[in-house]
């Protein structure tokens, strides 16, 4: 699942928060889980915004556990 927090690109100046969850059964023993949380806080008067996102990916039958945290300041 591909996701983009549009505030990183400076496309909008809306305040929002969101959560996405995806679970996929690859076979009987293997599942992948993906959790994504994002938020944007826009300060229109000062012409900047703050945003963050957290992406967590886990594969059940392997030791793969990936967590990404990003914070952004857009002016």
N, C-alpha and C. Protein backbone atom coordinates (compact mmCIF):
# COMPACT_ATOMS: atom_id res chain seq x y z
N UNK A 1 0.84 -1.16 0.00
CA UNK A 1 0.00 0.00 0.00
C UNK A 1 0.90 1.24 0.00
N UNK A 2 0.73 2.09 -0.96
CA UNK A 2 1.53 3.31 -1.07
C UNK A 2 0.72 4.49 -0.56
N UNK A 3 1.36 5.31 0.28
CA UNK A 3 0.68 6.45 0.87
C UNK A 3 1.58 7.67 0.79
N UNK A 4 0.96 8.85 0.68
CA UNK A 4 1.71 10.10 0.68
C UNK A 4 0.98 11.11 1.54
N UNK A 5 1.71 11.77 2.43
CA UNK A 5 1.16 12.86 3.22
C UNK A 5 1.34 14.12 2.39
N UNK A 6 0.26 14.65 1.81
CA UNK A 6 0.33 15.75 0.85
C UNK A 6 0.92 17.02 1.44
N UNK A 7 0.89 17.19 2.73
CA UNK A 7 1.47 18.40 3.31
C UNK A 7 2.97 18.46 3.09
N UNK A 8 3.64 17.32 2.91
CA UNK A 8 5.08 17.32 2.62
C UNK A 8 5.36 18.02 1.30
N UNK A 9 4.40 17.98 0.40
CA UNK A 9 4.59 18.58 -0.91
C UNK A 9 4.07 20.01 -0.96
N UNK A 10 3.49 20.51 0.13
CA UNK A 10 2.94 21.86 0.16
C UNK A 10 1.70 22.03 -0.70
N UNK A 11 0.95 20.96 -0.92
CA UNK A 11 -0.20 21.00 -1.82
C UNK A 11 -1.40 21.69 -1.19
N UNK A 12 -1.61 21.49 0.11
CA UNK A 12 -2.77 22.11 0.74
C UNK A 12 -2.40 22.69 2.09
N UNK A 13 -3.30 23.46 2.64
CA UNK A 13 -3.08 23.99 3.98
C UNK A 13 -4.32 23.74 4.85
N UNK A 14 -4.71 22.48 4.91
CA UNK A 14 -5.84 22.05 5.72
C UNK A 14 -5.32 21.31 6.95
N UNK A 15 -6.01 21.48 8.07
CA UNK A 15 -5.68 20.71 9.26
C UNK A 15 -6.41 19.38 9.18
N UNK A 16 -5.68 18.30 9.35
CA UNK A 16 -6.32 16.98 9.29
C UNK A 16 -5.46 15.94 9.99
N UNK A 17 -6.12 14.83 10.31
CA UNK A 17 -5.44 13.68 10.89
C UNK A 17 -6.08 12.43 10.28
N UNK A 18 -5.32 11.38 10.11
CA UNK A 18 -5.88 10.18 9.50
C UNK A 18 -5.16 8.93 9.95
N UNK A 19 -5.86 7.81 9.82
CA UNK A 19 -5.32 6.50 10.17
C UNK A 19 -5.71 5.53 9.06
N UNK A 20 -4.74 4.73 8.62
CA UNK A 20 -5.00 3.68 7.64
C UNK A 20 -4.46 2.36 8.18
N UNK A 21 -5.16 1.27 7.90
CA UNK A 21 -4.71 -0.05 8.32
C UNK A 21 -4.94 -1.01 7.17
N UNK A 22 -3.96 -1.87 6.92
CA UNK A 22 -4.08 -2.84 5.85
C UNK A 22 -3.50 -4.17 6.34
N UNK A 23 -4.24 -5.25 6.15
CA UNK A 23 -3.77 -6.58 6.49
C UNK A 23 -3.94 -7.46 5.26
N UNK A 24 -2.89 -8.21 4.93
CA UNK A 24 -2.91 -9.03 3.73
C UNK A 24 -2.43 -10.44 4.08
N UNK A 25 -3.22 -11.45 3.73
CA UNK A 25 -2.82 -12.84 3.91
C UNK A 25 -2.10 -13.30 2.65
N UNK A 26 -0.81 -13.58 2.78
CA UNK A 26 -0.01 -14.01 1.64
C UNK A 26 -0.20 -15.50 1.40
N UNK A 27 -0.18 -16.28 2.46
CA UNK A 27 -0.54 -17.70 2.41
C UNK A 27 -1.08 -18.08 3.78
N UNK A 28 -1.24 -19.37 4.06
CA UNK A 28 -1.84 -19.79 5.34
C UNK A 28 -1.03 -19.36 6.55
N UNK A 29 0.27 -19.26 6.41
CA UNK A 29 1.14 -18.97 7.55
C UNK A 29 1.67 -17.54 7.57
N UNK A 30 1.54 -16.82 6.50
CA UNK A 30 2.18 -15.51 6.40
C UNK A 30 1.15 -14.40 6.20
N UNK A 31 1.22 -13.42 7.08
CA UNK A 31 0.38 -12.22 6.98
C UNK A 31 1.28 -10.99 7.04
N UNK A 32 0.85 -9.94 6.38
CA UNK A 32 1.54 -8.65 6.51
C UNK A 32 0.54 -7.63 7.04
N UNK A 33 0.99 -6.83 7.98
CA UNK A 33 0.15 -5.78 8.56
C UNK A 33 0.85 -4.44 8.36
N UNK A 34 0.09 -3.45 7.93
CA UNK A 34 0.62 -2.11 7.71
C UNK A 34 -0.30 -1.11 8.39
N UNK A 35 0.28 -0.27 9.25
CA UNK A 35 -0.47 0.77 9.96
C UNK A 35 0.16 2.11 9.62
N UNK A 36 -0.68 3.10 9.36
CA UNK A 36 -0.20 4.42 8.94
C UNK A 36 -1.01 5.49 9.66
N UNK A 37 -0.33 6.41 10.32
CA UNK A 37 -0.96 7.53 11.02
C UNK A 37 -0.33 8.81 10.52
N UNK A 38 -1.13 9.81 10.20
CA UNK A 38 -0.57 11.09 9.74
C UNK A 38 -1.38 12.25 10.30
N UNK A 39 -0.75 13.40 10.35
CA UNK A 39 -1.42 14.60 10.82
C UNK A 39 -0.78 15.85 10.24
N UNK A 40 -1.58 16.89 10.09
CA UNK A 40 -1.13 18.17 9.54
C UNK A 40 -1.73 19.29 10.37
N UNK A 41 -0.93 20.25 10.74
CA UNK A 41 -1.40 21.44 11.44
C UNK A 41 -0.89 22.65 10.67
N UNK A 42 -1.81 23.43 10.11
CA UNK A 42 -1.45 24.55 9.24
C UNK A 42 -1.62 25.87 9.99
N UNK A 43 -0.64 26.76 9.84
CA UNK A 43 -0.68 28.10 10.41
C UNK A 43 -0.69 29.08 9.24
N UNK A 44 -1.89 29.37 8.73
CA UNK A 44 -2.03 30.19 7.52
C UNK A 44 -1.50 31.61 7.70
N UNK A 45 -1.74 32.22 8.87
CA UNK A 45 -1.30 33.59 9.09
C UNK A 45 0.22 33.71 9.04
N UNK A 46 0.91 32.68 9.50
CA UNK A 46 2.37 32.68 9.52
C UNK A 46 2.99 31.96 8.33
N UNK A 47 2.15 31.43 7.46
CA UNK A 47 2.56 30.78 6.21
C UNK A 47 3.50 29.59 6.42
N UNK A 48 3.14 28.71 7.34
CA UNK A 48 3.88 27.46 7.49
C UNK A 48 2.95 26.39 8.03
N UNK A 49 3.38 25.15 7.90
CA UNK A 49 2.62 24.03 8.46
C UNK A 49 3.57 22.99 9.04
N UNK A 50 3.07 22.24 9.99
CA UNK A 50 3.79 21.14 10.61
C UNK A 50 3.06 19.86 10.29
N UNK A 51 3.80 18.82 9.99
CA UNK A 51 3.15 17.54 9.70
C UNK A 51 4.01 16.39 10.21
N UNK A 52 3.36 15.26 10.40
CA UNK A 52 4.07 14.06 10.82
C UNK A 52 3.39 12.86 10.19
N UNK A 53 4.12 11.79 10.09
CA UNK A 53 3.50 10.51 9.79
C UNK A 53 4.31 9.38 10.39
N UNK A 54 3.60 8.32 10.73
CA UNK A 54 4.18 7.11 11.31
C UNK A 54 3.70 5.95 10.47
N UNK A 55 4.64 5.14 9.99
CA UNK A 55 4.31 3.99 9.15
C UNK A 55 4.93 2.75 9.80
N UNK A 56 4.10 1.76 10.10
CA UNK A 56 4.57 0.54 10.74
C UNK A 56 4.20 -0.66 9.87
N UNK A 57 5.20 -1.49 9.57
CA UNK A 57 5.00 -2.66 8.72
C UNK A 57 5.55 -3.88 9.43
N UNK A 58 4.77 -4.97 9.44
CA UNK A 58 5.20 -6.20 10.09
C UNK A 58 4.79 -7.40 9.25
N UNK A 59 5.73 -8.35 9.10
CA UNK A 59 5.48 -9.61 8.39
C UNK A 59 5.53 -10.73 9.43
N UNK A 60 4.47 -11.54 9.51
CA UNK A 60 4.30 -12.48 10.62
C UNK A 60 5.34 -13.59 10.69
N UNK A 61 5.75 -14.18 9.60
CA UNK A 61 6.65 -15.34 9.67
C UNK A 61 8.13 -14.99 9.55
N UNK A 62 8.43 -13.73 9.45
CA UNK A 62 9.83 -13.30 9.39
C UNK A 62 10.10 -12.36 10.55
N UNK A 63 11.32 -11.96 10.69
CA UNK A 63 11.68 -10.98 11.72
C UNK A 63 11.56 -9.56 11.20
N UNK A 64 10.91 -9.38 10.08
CA UNK A 64 10.76 -8.05 9.49
C UNK A 64 9.74 -7.24 10.28
N UNK A 65 10.21 -6.15 10.85
CA UNK A 65 9.36 -5.22 11.59
C UNK A 65 9.95 -3.83 11.33
N UNK A 66 9.28 -3.04 10.52
CA UNK A 66 9.81 -1.75 10.08
C UNK A 66 8.91 -0.63 10.58
N UNK A 67 9.52 0.35 11.25
CA UNK A 67 8.79 1.52 11.75
C UNK A 67 9.47 2.78 11.25
N UNK A 68 8.72 3.65 10.60
CA UNK A 68 9.26 4.91 10.09
C UNK A 68 8.50 6.07 10.73
N UNK A 69 9.24 7.05 11.24
CA UNK A 69 8.67 8.24 11.84
C UNK A 69 9.22 9.45 11.10
N UNK A 70 8.33 10.33 10.65
CA UNK A 70 8.78 11.53 9.93
C UNK A 70 8.06 12.76 10.47
N UNK A 71 8.80 13.83 10.58
CA UNK A 71 8.25 15.12 10.99
C UNK A 71 8.69 16.14 9.96
N UNK A 72 7.80 17.06 9.62
CA UNK A 72 8.11 18.00 8.56
C UNK A 72 7.64 19.41 8.91
N UNK A 73 8.45 20.39 8.53
CA UNK A 73 8.13 21.80 8.64
C UNK A 73 8.13 22.36 7.23
N UNK A 74 7.00 22.89 6.79
CA UNK A 74 6.88 23.40 5.42
C UNK A 74 6.60 24.89 5.48
N UNK A 75 7.42 25.65 4.79
CA UNK A 75 7.25 27.10 4.75
C UNK A 75 7.01 27.57 3.35
